[in-house]
């Protein structure tokens, strides 16, 4: 019998012994290289990630940014920011290209996120997504699960473009994504167009749902019977969504994101899902003694579910299949908090790039 000591790390063991894949929740060269060494087959980006890449690896990008500024004297920092986002994503996608080619397009993808400020504008998201899809063969277009995002997800799928749904926290959102992608596929097939290249994903940001549960507990003075029950909220939504996806046969593959503790890894092993793990958590998991074994089909303790369900109304909205309508996605607390964070990070990214226009400038006195 092969033992875990055979494997370089627990993450290597997971991808070698189960159908679960993992992606790097980063497109930093250092972080993505580490992930690839430990079995990762994909990666992701968004404004927060690109911001962190520049903060960590500005030495790799400063000359290129200066070159872009010199070559495009009329560009604002907005135009510069999106060009940098594109180039950071393209650079990461090249590291994944050998996997993409080896797996015939089924793996080795990198998600690139549309402008989060356009979360209410389906056409703007579609237009930007179409543009992004021309930049590299293994880019996957990431869009938020808002009311407009659902429309855009269907349209891009219809156009034969791979999508990743993000800003998604609930069973109703995950199901809406599955249905939107199926509509796009059926429209495409009805016109005799190929759909074999489509490997759509839906990222449930399970840690951010846990965060929202904790915010509500503190804000509203809620006392659950088990004080730690809230840390199971995201896992419970992921497991329920997974079972429904299997029953309905959706083409979309679920992906777990926004890690807060080891259950976001250990409780989901063995599922036909993707785990998008941040660099620091990859290192923690690889240094842990958590047993690598399938647990996806193990149900969350009913007492914990009852505890959450009876005390936190927003958990019921997140867990029930009809807990939210599509028109309510935009106003769900976790959605509002996450979009606010993404848009803030986007403006922070603009500020960092703005400095590249201004510095060094010997005429400006400090």
Protein backbone atom coordinates (compact mmCIF):
# COMPACT_ATOMS: atom_id res chain seq x y z
CA UNK A 1 0.00 0.00 0.00
CA UNK A 2 1.29 3.46 -0.89
CA UNK A 3 1.63 5.70 2.15
CA UNK A 4 1.36 9.46 2.41
CA UNK A 5 5.15 9.59 2.90
CA UNK A 6 5.46 8.83 -0.82
CA UNK A 7 4.04 12.24 -1.68
CA UNK A 8 5.82 15.56 -1.57
CA UNK A 9 3.00 17.19 0.39
CA UNK A 10 -0.60 16.66 1.52
CA UNK A 11 -1.78 18.71 -1.46
CA UNK A 12 0.20 16.50 -3.82
CA UNK A 13 -1.36 13.50 -2.15
CA UNK A 14 -4.87 14.90 -2.49
CA UNK A 15 -4.58 15.51 -6.24
CA UNK A 16 -2.85 12.15 -6.76
CA UNK A 17 -5.37 10.05 -4.83
CA UNK A 18 -8.72 11.84 -5.36
CA UNK A 19 -10.62 13.54 -8.18
CA UNK A 20 -10.32 16.88 -6.38
CA UNK A 21 -8.24 19.54 -8.14
CA UNK A 22 -6.65 22.59 -6.66
CA UNK A 23 -5.80 26.01 -8.02
CA UNK A 24 -3.58 28.75 -6.71
CA UNK A 25 -5.57 31.70 -5.43
CA UNK A 26 -2.90 33.95 -6.92
CA UNK A 27 -1.10 34.72 -10.15
CA UNK A 28 2.11 35.84 -8.43
CA UNK A 29 5.08 34.14 -10.07
CA UNK A 30 6.49 32.95 -6.74
CA UNK A 31 3.14 31.74 -5.42
CA UNK A 32 1.97 30.09 -8.62
CA UNK A 33 5.33 28.34 -9.03
CA UNK A 34 5.00 26.91 -5.52
CA UNK A 35 1.45 25.74 -6.27
CA UNK A 36 2.46 24.03 -9.49
CA UNK A 37 5.19 22.17 -7.62
CA UNK A 38 2.50 20.81 -5.28
CA UNK A 39 -0.05 19.68 -7.86
CA UNK A 40 -2.07 22.79 -8.75
CA UNK A 41 -3.68 22.82 -12.21
CA UNK A 42 -5.08 26.35 -12.36
CA UNK A 43 -5.01 29.83 -10.88
CA UNK A 44 -7.08 32.95 -10.50
CA UNK A 45 -6.84 36.72 -10.44
CA UNK A 46 -8.95 39.68 -9.37
CA UNK A 47 -8.24 43.30 -8.37
CA UNK A 48 -7.13 42.28 -4.88
CA UNK A 49 -4.79 39.63 -6.28
CA UNK A 50 -3.26 41.93 -8.91
CA UNK A 51 -2.78 44.58 -6.21
CA UNK A 52 -0.96 42.05 -4.03
CA UNK A 53 1.16 40.90 -6.99
CA UNK A 54 2.37 44.46 -7.59
CA UNK A 55 3.04 45.01 -3.90
CA UNK A 56 5.05 41.79 -3.70
CA UNK A 57 6.65 41.68 -7.14
CA UNK A 58 6.80 45.29 -8.34
CA UNK A 59 10.46 44.65 -9.22
CA UNK A 60 9.20 42.31 -11.96
CA UNK A 61 6.70 44.82 -13.34
CA UNK A 62 8.08 48.31 -12.76
CA UNK A 63 10.05 48.55 -16.03
CA UNK A 64 7.13 47.22 -18.05
CA UNK A 65 4.75 49.70 -16.42
CA UNK A 66 7.13 52.54 -17.20
CA UNK A 67 7.34 51.32 -20.79
CA UNK A 68 3.54 51.26 -21.13
CA UNK A 69 3.35 54.81 -19.77
CA UNK A 70 5.99 56.01 -22.22
CA UNK A 71 4.35 54.28 -25.19
CA UNK A 72 0.85 55.54 -24.36
CA UNK A 73 1.17 59.20 -23.33
CA UNK A 74 -2.60 59.85 -23.29
CA UNK A 75 -3.54 56.87 -21.09
CA UNK A 76 -5.07 57.46 -17.70
CA UNK A 77 -4.34 55.16 -14.78
CA UNK A 78 -7.62 53.36 -15.60
CA UNK A 79 -6.37 52.29 -19.03
CA UNK A 80 -2.98 51.46 -17.57
CA UNK A 81 -4.54 49.41 -14.77
CA UNK A 82 -6.49 47.17 -17.11
CA UNK A 83 -3.48 46.66 -19.36
CA UNK A 84 -1.44 45.64 -16.31
CA UNK A 85 -4.23 43.32 -15.12
CA UNK A 86 -4.24 41.72 -18.55
CA UNK A 87 -0.47 41.27 -18.66
CA UNK A 88 -0.28 39.86 -15.13
CA UNK A 89 -2.96 37.33 -16.08
CA UNK A 90 -1.29 36.47 -19.39
CA UNK A 91 2.03 35.94 -17.63
CA UNK A 92 0.40 33.56 -15.16
CA UNK A 93 -1.45 31.76 -17.93
CA UNK A 94 1.87 30.98 -19.65
CA UNK A 95 3.02 29.09 -16.56
CA UNK A 96 -0.15 26.99 -16.82
CA UNK A 97 -0.04 26.48 -20.59
CA UNK A 98 1.81 23.12 -20.48
CA UNK A 99 -0.98 21.73 -18.27
CA UNK A 100 -3.63 23.22 -20.56
CA UNK A 101 -2.05 21.54 -23.58
CA UNK A 102 -1.47 18.23 -21.80
CA UNK A 103 -5.09 18.12 -20.57
CA UNK A 104 -6.54 19.23 -23.93
CA UNK A 105 -8.01 22.42 -22.50
CA UNK A 106 -9.76 20.80 -19.54
CA UNK A 107 -7.26 22.08 -16.97
CA UNK A 108 -4.47 24.63 -16.85
CA UNK A 109 -6.74 27.68 -16.90
CA UNK A 110 -6.39 31.04 -15.19
CA UNK A 111 -9.42 33.16 -14.33
CA UNK A 112 -9.34 36.88 -15.08
CA UNK A 113 -12.03 39.06 -13.51
CA UNK A 114 -14.06 41.71 -15.26
CA UNK A 115 -14.30 45.19 -13.76
CA UNK A 116 -16.13 44.75 -10.43
CA UNK A 117 -17.63 48.22 -10.77
CA UNK A 118 -19.69 46.88 -13.70
CA UNK A 119 -21.57 44.36 -11.56
CA UNK A 120 -24.92 45.88 -12.64
CA UNK A 121 -24.05 46.15 -16.34
CA UNK A 122 -24.32 42.83 -18.20
CA UNK A 123 -23.27 44.24 -21.56
CA UNK A 124 -20.14 45.87 -20.14
CA UNK A 125 -19.16 42.56 -18.54
CA UNK A 126 -19.80 40.67 -21.77
CA UNK A 127 -17.79 43.14 -23.83
CA UNK A 128 -14.83 43.00 -21.47
CA UNK A 129 -15.11 39.22 -21.22
CA UNK A 130 -15.03 38.83 -24.98
CA UNK A 131 -11.91 41.00 -25.13
CA UNK A 132 -10.20 39.04 -22.35
CA UNK A 133 -10.93 35.77 -24.15
CA UNK A 134 -8.72 36.86 -27.06
CA UNK A 135 -5.63 37.44 -24.90
CA UNK A 136 -4.57 33.82 -24.27
CA UNK A 137 -6.07 30.39 -25.02
CA UNK A 138 -6.30 29.37 -21.36
CA UNK A 139 -7.98 32.40 -19.80
CA UNK A 140 -11.35 31.90 -18.11
CA UNK A 141 -13.60 34.94 -17.64
CA UNK A 142 -14.68 35.66 -14.08
CA UNK A 143 -17.97 37.48 -13.42
CA UNK A 144 -19.95 38.19 -10.23
CA UNK A 145 -23.18 36.35 -9.45
CA UNK A 146 -25.37 39.42 -9.47
CA UNK A 147 -28.59 39.74 -11.44
CA UNK A 148 -26.66 41.24 -14.36
CA UNK A 149 -23.86 38.73 -13.88
CA UNK A 150 -26.25 35.82 -14.46
CA UNK A 151 -27.22 37.33 -17.82
CA UNK A 152 -23.56 37.84 -18.73
CA UNK A 153 -22.60 34.29 -17.70
CA UNK A 154 -25.22 32.86 -20.04
CA UNK A 155 -24.24 35.13 -22.93
CA UNK A 156 -20.50 34.43 -22.69
CA UNK A 157 -21.18 30.70 -22.47
CA UNK A 158 -23.36 30.97 -25.59
CA UNK A 159 -20.42 32.64 -27.32
CA UNK A 160 -18.22 29.65 -26.50
CA UNK A 161 -16.20 31.40 -23.80
CA UNK A 162 -15.24 29.69 -20.54
CA UNK A 163 -16.58 31.42 -17.45
CA UNK A 164 -15.98 31.40 -13.73
CA UNK A 165 -18.78 32.71 -11.53
CA UNK A 166 -17.54 34.61 -8.47
CA UNK A 167 -19.01 36.72 -5.66
CA UNK A 168 -21.15 33.66 -4.96
CA UNK A 169 -22.00 32.50 -1.44
CA UNK A 170 -25.32 30.67 -1.49
CA UNK A 171 -27.11 27.63 -2.83
CA UNK A 172 -29.58 29.80 -4.83
CA UNK A 173 -26.71 31.66 -6.49
CA UNK A 174 -24.87 28.45 -7.33
CA UNK A 175 -28.02 26.96 -8.85
CA UNK A 176 -28.69 30.11 -10.86
CA UNK A 177 -25.17 29.84 -12.27
CA UNK A 178 -25.69 26.19 -13.19
CA UNK A 179 -28.93 27.03 -14.97
CA UNK A 180 -27.49 30.08 -16.77
CA UNK A 181 -24.58 28.06 -18.13
CA UNK A 182 -26.92 25.29 -19.27
CA UNK A 183 -29.05 27.85 -21.12
CA UNK A 184 -25.97 29.20 -22.84
CA UNK A 185 -24.83 25.71 -23.82
CA UNK A 186 -28.26 24.77 -25.18
CA UNK A 187 -28.48 27.96 -27.23
CA UNK A 188 -25.06 27.21 -28.68
CA UNK A 189 -25.87 23.58 -29.41
CA UNK A 190 -29.17 24.57 -31.08
CA UNK A 191 -27.09 26.45 -33.65
CA UNK A 192 -24.82 23.48 -34.21
CA UNK A 193 -21.85 25.10 -32.51
CA UNK A 194 -19.18 23.21 -30.59
CA UNK A 195 -19.35 23.11 -26.78
CA UNK A 196 -16.66 20.52 -26.13
CA UNK A 197 -14.16 23.17 -25.04
CA UNK A 198 -16.37 24.53 -22.26
CA UNK A 199 -15.27 23.84 -18.67
CA UNK A 200 -17.21 26.46 -16.67
CA UNK A 201 -16.75 26.83 -12.93
CA UNK A 202 -18.72 28.39 -10.09
CA UNK A 203 -16.66 29.70 -7.18
CA UNK A 204 -18.47 29.55 -3.86
CA UNK A 205 -16.67 31.97 -1.55
CA UNK A 206 -17.33 29.82 1.48
CA UNK A 207 -15.02 31.70 3.84
CA UNK A 208 -16.75 34.97 3.08
CA UNK A 209 -20.09 33.38 3.96
CA UNK A 210 -18.59 32.32 7.29
CA UNK A 211 -17.40 35.92 7.74
CA UNK A 212 -20.91 37.22 7.11
CA UNK A 213 -22.39 34.79 9.63
CA UNK A 214 -19.91 36.08 12.23
CA UNK A 215 -20.76 39.70 11.39
CA UNK A 216 -24.46 38.97 11.93
CA UNK A 217 -23.80 37.12 15.18
CA UNK A 218 -21.91 40.12 16.54
CA UNK A 219 -24.12 42.81 15.03
CA UNK A 220 -27.45 41.29 16.05
CA UNK A 221 -26.40 39.76 19.38
CA UNK A 222 -27.11 36.21 18.20
CA UNK A 223 -26.13 33.32 20.45
CA UNK A 224 -25.92 29.95 18.73
CA UNK A 225 -25.97 26.82 20.86
CA UNK A 226 -22.55 25.89 19.51
CA UNK A 227 -20.37 29.03 19.47
CA UNK A 228 -18.35 27.64 16.55
CA UNK A 229 -21.34 26.58 14.43
CA UNK A 230 -20.85 29.48 12.00
CA UNK A 231 -17.56 28.05 10.69
CA UNK A 232 -19.60 25.27 9.05
CA UNK A 233 -21.88 27.61 7.08
CA UNK A 234 -19.77 27.74 3.93
CA UNK A 235 -18.97 24.03 4.03
CA UNK A 236 -22.68 23.23 4.39
CA UNK A 237 -23.60 25.39 1.39
CA UNK A 238 -20.79 23.86 -0.68
CA UNK A 239 -21.81 20.29 0.15
CA UNK A 240 -25.50 20.91 -0.55
CA UNK A 241 -24.75 22.69 -3.84
CA UNK A 242 -22.48 19.82 -4.84
CA UNK A 243 -25.16 17.21 -4.28
CA UNK A 244 -27.71 19.18 -6.29
CA UNK A 245 -25.21 19.76 -9.10
CA UNK A 246 -24.60 16.01 -9.31
CA UNK A 247 -28.33 15.28 -9.35
CA UNK A 248 -29.02 17.80 -12.10
CA UNK A 249 -25.94 17.03 -14.17
CA UNK A 250 -24.78 20.61 -14.62
CA UNK A 251 -21.72 21.08 -16.83
CA UNK A 252 -20.41 23.69 -14.38
CA UNK A 253 -17.87 22.51 -11.82
CA UNK A 254 -18.02 23.92 -8.30
CA UNK A 255 -14.98 25.62 -6.83
CA UNK A 256 -14.38 26.53 -3.17
CA UNK A 257 -12.64 29.82 -2.40
CA UNK A 258 -11.88 32.29 0.41
CA UNK A 259 -10.15 30.08 2.96
CA UNK A 260 -10.44 30.69 6.70
CA UNK A 261 -9.65 27.30 8.31
CA UNK A 262 -8.70 23.75 7.38
CA UNK A 263 -12.31 22.55 7.02
CA UNK A 264 -12.46 24.54 3.80
CA UNK A 265 -9.91 22.02 2.53
CA UNK A 266 -10.25 18.87 4.59
CA UNK A 267 -14.07 18.66 4.58
CA UNK A 268 -14.21 18.97 0.77
CA UNK A 269 -11.57 16.44 -0.26
CA UNK A 270 -12.77 13.74 -2.60
CA UNK A 271 -15.39 15.78 -4.40
CA UNK A 272 -15.23 16.42 -8.14
CA UNK A 273 -14.53 20.05 -7.36
CA UNK A 274 -11.74 22.61 -7.45
CA UNK A 275 -10.23 24.09 -4.30
CA UNK A 276 -8.72 27.53 -4.94
CA UNK A 277 -6.28 27.91 -2.07
CA UNK A 278 -4.28 31.03 -1.12
CA UNK A 279 -0.50 30.66 -0.91
CA UNK A 280 -0.29 30.99 2.89
CA UNK A 281 -2.98 28.35 3.37
CA UNK A 282 -1.27 26.02 0.91
CA UNK A 283 1.86 26.21 3.06
CA UNK A 284 -0.13 25.65 6.25
CA UNK A 285 -1.96 22.66 4.82
CA UNK A 286 1.28 21.17 3.50
CA UNK A 287 2.84 21.52 6.95
CA UNK A 288 -0.17 19.96 8.70
CA UNK A 289 -0.86 16.40 9.78
CA UNK A 290 -4.48 16.43 8.54
CA UNK A 291 -5.25 13.02 7.07
CA UNK A 292 -5.86 13.12 3.33
CA UNK A 293 -9.04 11.17 2.68
CA UNK A 294 -12.37 11.75 0.88
CA UNK A 295 -14.88 13.64 3.04
CA UNK A 296 -17.03 15.50 0.53
CA UNK A 297 -19.94 13.09 0.90
CA UNK A 298 -19.87 13.27 4.70
CA UNK A 299 -22.85 15.36 5.82
CA UNK A 300 -22.52 18.34 8.12
CA UNK A 301 -23.83 17.42 11.58
CA UNK A 302 -27.59 18.02 11.60
CA UNK A 303 -27.37 19.66 15.01
CA UNK A 304 -25.04 22.31 13.56
CA UNK A 305 -27.34 22.89 10.59
CA UNK A 306 -30.36 23.21 12.91
CA UNK A 307 -28.41 25.62 15.11
CA UNK A 308 -27.54 27.89 12.19
CA UNK A 309 -30.94 27.54 10.57
CA UNK A 310 -32.88 28.45 13.70
CA UNK A 311 -30.73 31.39 14.80
CA UNK A 312 -29.45 33.14 11.64
CA UNK A 313 -32.05 34.15 9.02
CA UNK A 314 -29.36 34.81 6.40
CA UNK A 315 -28.15 31.23 6.74
CA UNK A 316 -31.63 30.11 5.71
CA UNK A 317 -31.38 32.41 2.68
CA UNK A 318 -28.00 30.90 1.84
CA UNK A 319 -28.94 27.25 2.42
CA UNK A 320 -32.46 26.95 1.03
CA UNK A 321 -32.72 26.37 -2.72
CA UNK A 322 -35.27 29.20 -2.95
CA UNK A 323 -33.74 31.31 -0.18
CA UNK A 324 -32.94 34.18 -2.54
CA UNK A 325 -34.39 35.33 -5.84
CA UNK A 326 -32.02 36.46 -8.58
CA UNK A 327 -33.10 40.05 -7.93
CA UNK A 328 -32.01 39.67 -4.30
CA UNK A 329 -28.46 38.51 -5.11
CA UNK A 330 -27.08 42.06 -5.29
CA UNK A 331 -28.31 43.04 -1.83
CA UNK A 332 -27.24 39.90 0.08
CA UNK A 333 -24.85 40.99 2.82
CA UNK A 334 -21.86 38.90 1.73
CA UNK A 335 -22.29 40.15 -1.84
CA UNK A 336 -22.33 43.79 -0.76
CA UNK A 337 -19.26 43.36 1.45
CA UNK A 338 -17.27 41.49 -1.20
CA UNK A 339 -18.08 43.84 -4.07
CA UNK A 340 -17.17 46.78 -1.85
CA UNK A 341 -13.82 45.12 -1.13
CA UNK A 342 -13.15 44.35 -4.80
CA UNK A 343 -14.01 47.89 -5.89
CA UNK A 344 -11.88 49.38 -3.11
CA UNK A 345 -8.95 47.18 -4.17
CA UNK A 346 -9.46 48.32 -7.76
CA UNK A 347 -9.15 51.95 -6.66
CA UNK A 348 -6.09 51.08 -4.55
CA UNK A 349 -4.60 49.52 -7.69
CA UNK A 350 -5.25 52.75 -9.58
CA UNK A 351 -3.48 54.68 -6.83
CA UNK A 352 -0.38 52.49 -7.00
CA UNK A 353 -0.19 52.89 -10.76
CA UNK A 354 -0.83 56.61 -10.50
CA UNK A 355 2.39 56.84 -8.54
CA UNK A 356 4.26 55.32 -11.48
CA UNK A 357 3.22 58.34 -13.58
CA UNK A 358 4.49 60.76 -10.98
CA UNK A 359 7.70 59.19 -9.71
CA UNK A 360 10.54 59.76 -9.92
CA UNK A 361 10.04 63.46 -10.56
CA UNK A 362 12.94 65.63 -9.42
CA UNK A 363 10.82 68.79 -9.71
CA UNK A 364 8.43 67.66 -6.96
CA UNK A 365 9.64 68.51 -3.49
CA UNK A 366 8.68 66.18 -0.66
